Protein backbone atom coordinates (compact mmCIF):
# COMPACT_ATOMS: atom_id res chain seq x y z
CA MET A 1 160.14 18.08 216.19
CA LYS A 2 158.48 17.92 212.77
CA VAL A 3 155.13 19.24 213.99
CA GLU A 4 156.42 21.79 216.49
CA HIS A 5 159.53 23.13 214.69
CA GLY A 6 159.23 21.95 211.08
CA PHE A 7 162.26 19.67 210.77
CA SER A 8 162.85 15.95 211.05
CA LEU A 9 165.46 14.08 213.06
CA ILE A 10 166.64 10.50 212.53
CA PRO A 11 168.24 8.68 215.50
CA LYS A 12 171.85 7.60 214.83
CA LYS A 13 173.15 6.20 218.13
CA SER A 14 171.65 5.56 221.54
CA PHE A 15 173.30 4.59 224.83
CA GLY A 16 172.90 5.15 228.56
CA ASN A 17 175.33 5.78 231.39
CA PHE A 18 175.16 5.48 235.16
CA TYR A 19 176.96 8.17 237.17
CA GLU A 20 178.19 7.74 240.73
CA LYS A 21 178.22 10.28 243.55
CA ASN A 22 180.31 13.36 242.68
CA GLU A 23 181.34 11.89 239.31
CA ILE A 24 182.37 14.36 236.61
CA THR A 25 182.80 13.09 233.06
CA SER A 26 185.63 14.00 230.77
CA PRO A 27 184.64 16.54 228.09
CA LYS A 28 182.54 14.88 225.37
CA LEU A 29 182.16 15.70 221.70
CA GLU A 30 179.71 13.58 219.70
CA ILE A 31 180.98 14.50 216.24
CA ASN A 32 183.99 13.03 214.50
CA PRO A 33 186.03 16.02 213.21
CA MET A 34 187.59 13.78 210.55
CA ASP A 35 184.19 12.58 209.25
CA LEU A 36 181.70 15.44 209.57
CA LYS A 37 179.50 14.07 206.77
CA ASN A 38 178.61 10.96 208.80
CA SER A 39 178.56 12.65 212.22
CA PRO A 40 175.31 13.38 214.07
CA ASP A 41 173.82 16.88 214.05
CA PHE A 42 172.21 16.94 217.51
CA VAL A 43 172.72 15.41 220.96
CA PHE A 44 169.72 14.56 223.13
CA LEU A 45 170.29 13.94 226.87
CA TYR A 46 167.39 12.47 228.81
CA GLY A 47 167.33 12.16 232.60
CA VAL A 48 165.91 8.64 233.05
CA GLU A 49 166.65 8.34 236.76
CA VAL A 50 168.20 11.48 238.23
CA GLU A 51 168.09 12.51 241.87
CA PRO A 52 166.71 16.09 242.20
CA LYS A 53 169.25 18.92 242.05
CA THR A 54 172.29 16.64 241.68
CA CYS A 55 173.08 16.67 237.95
CA GLU A 56 174.33 19.53 235.82
CA ILE A 57 175.21 19.64 232.12
CA ILE A 58 177.91 22.15 231.17
CA ILE A 59 178.04 23.07 227.47
CA TYR A 60 180.89 25.09 225.94
CA TYR A 61 180.03 27.47 223.09
CA ASP A 62 181.40 30.49 221.24
CA ASN A 63 179.39 33.71 220.88
CA ASN A 64 180.94 35.36 217.82
CA ARG A 65 184.13 37.02 219.12
CA ARG A 66 183.52 35.95 222.71
CA LYS A 67 185.08 32.50 222.90
CA GLY A 68 184.90 29.88 225.62
CA ASN A 69 181.45 30.63 227.08
CA THR A 70 179.68 28.00 229.16
CA TRP A 71 176.03 27.26 229.67
CA LYS A 72 175.04 25.32 232.80
CA ILE A 73 171.77 23.41 232.75
CA SER A 74 170.33 21.39 235.61
CA LEU A 75 169.12 17.98 234.38
CA GLU A 76 166.20 16.48 236.31
CA LYS A 77 164.26 13.22 236.03
CA ASN A 78 162.06 13.00 232.89
CA MET A 79 163.69 16.14 231.46
CA PHE A 80 165.63 16.33 228.21
CA ILE A 81 168.21 18.68 226.75
CA ILE A 82 168.95 18.91 223.03
CA PHE A 83 171.89 20.81 221.53
CA PRO A 84 174.16 20.74 218.45
CA SER A 85 176.63 17.86 218.42
CA SER A 86 179.50 20.22 217.52
CA LEU A 87 179.45 21.61 221.09
CA LEU A 88 181.75 20.20 223.75
CA TYR A 89 179.99 19.22 226.98
CA TYR A 90 180.44 17.35 230.21
CA ILE A 91 178.18 15.97 232.93
CA LYS A 92 178.69 16.88 236.58
CA ASN A 93 177.01 14.95 239.40
CA ASN A 94 177.05 16.46 242.87
CA LYS A 95 176.03 14.77 246.13
CA ASN A 96 173.67 12.20 244.61
CA SER A 97 172.90 9.39 247.04
CA TYR A 98 172.15 6.83 244.31
CA LEU A 99 173.26 6.31 240.71
CA ASN A 100 172.02 8.84 238.16
CA PHE A 101 171.09 7.29 234.80
CA ILE A 102 171.23 9.47 231.68
CA GLN A 103 170.21 8.32 228.19
CA THR A 104 172.17 9.85 225.28
CA ILE A 105 170.74 9.78 221.75
CA THR A 106 172.38 11.39 218.72
CA PHE A 107 170.32 12.54 215.74
CA GLU A 108 170.84 13.42 212.12
CA TYR A 109 168.93 16.40 210.72
CA ILE A 110 167.03 15.82 207.46
């Protein structure tokens, strides 16, 4: 990130989750609204072991006056998605025949 985009990120928290067939997570928000100073700035989702065309990340965002927009991104194996931690998101698995494993890492911007 430093070389390509000119800013540095420091990892804050890292964890992984396995998702079963047709599992949909509850909406996730990686910041703590009561402690924004110590909350991460970015969320990084990495598809460690994901069956092709079975995992979708849905991110909610506001576009000025147009509220409640969604962005749907297909997550594949060895692919990553990075977005601001202030955005609500959930993970949707559809018709996977084995467990999908997704690594989540939160970062602080410096």
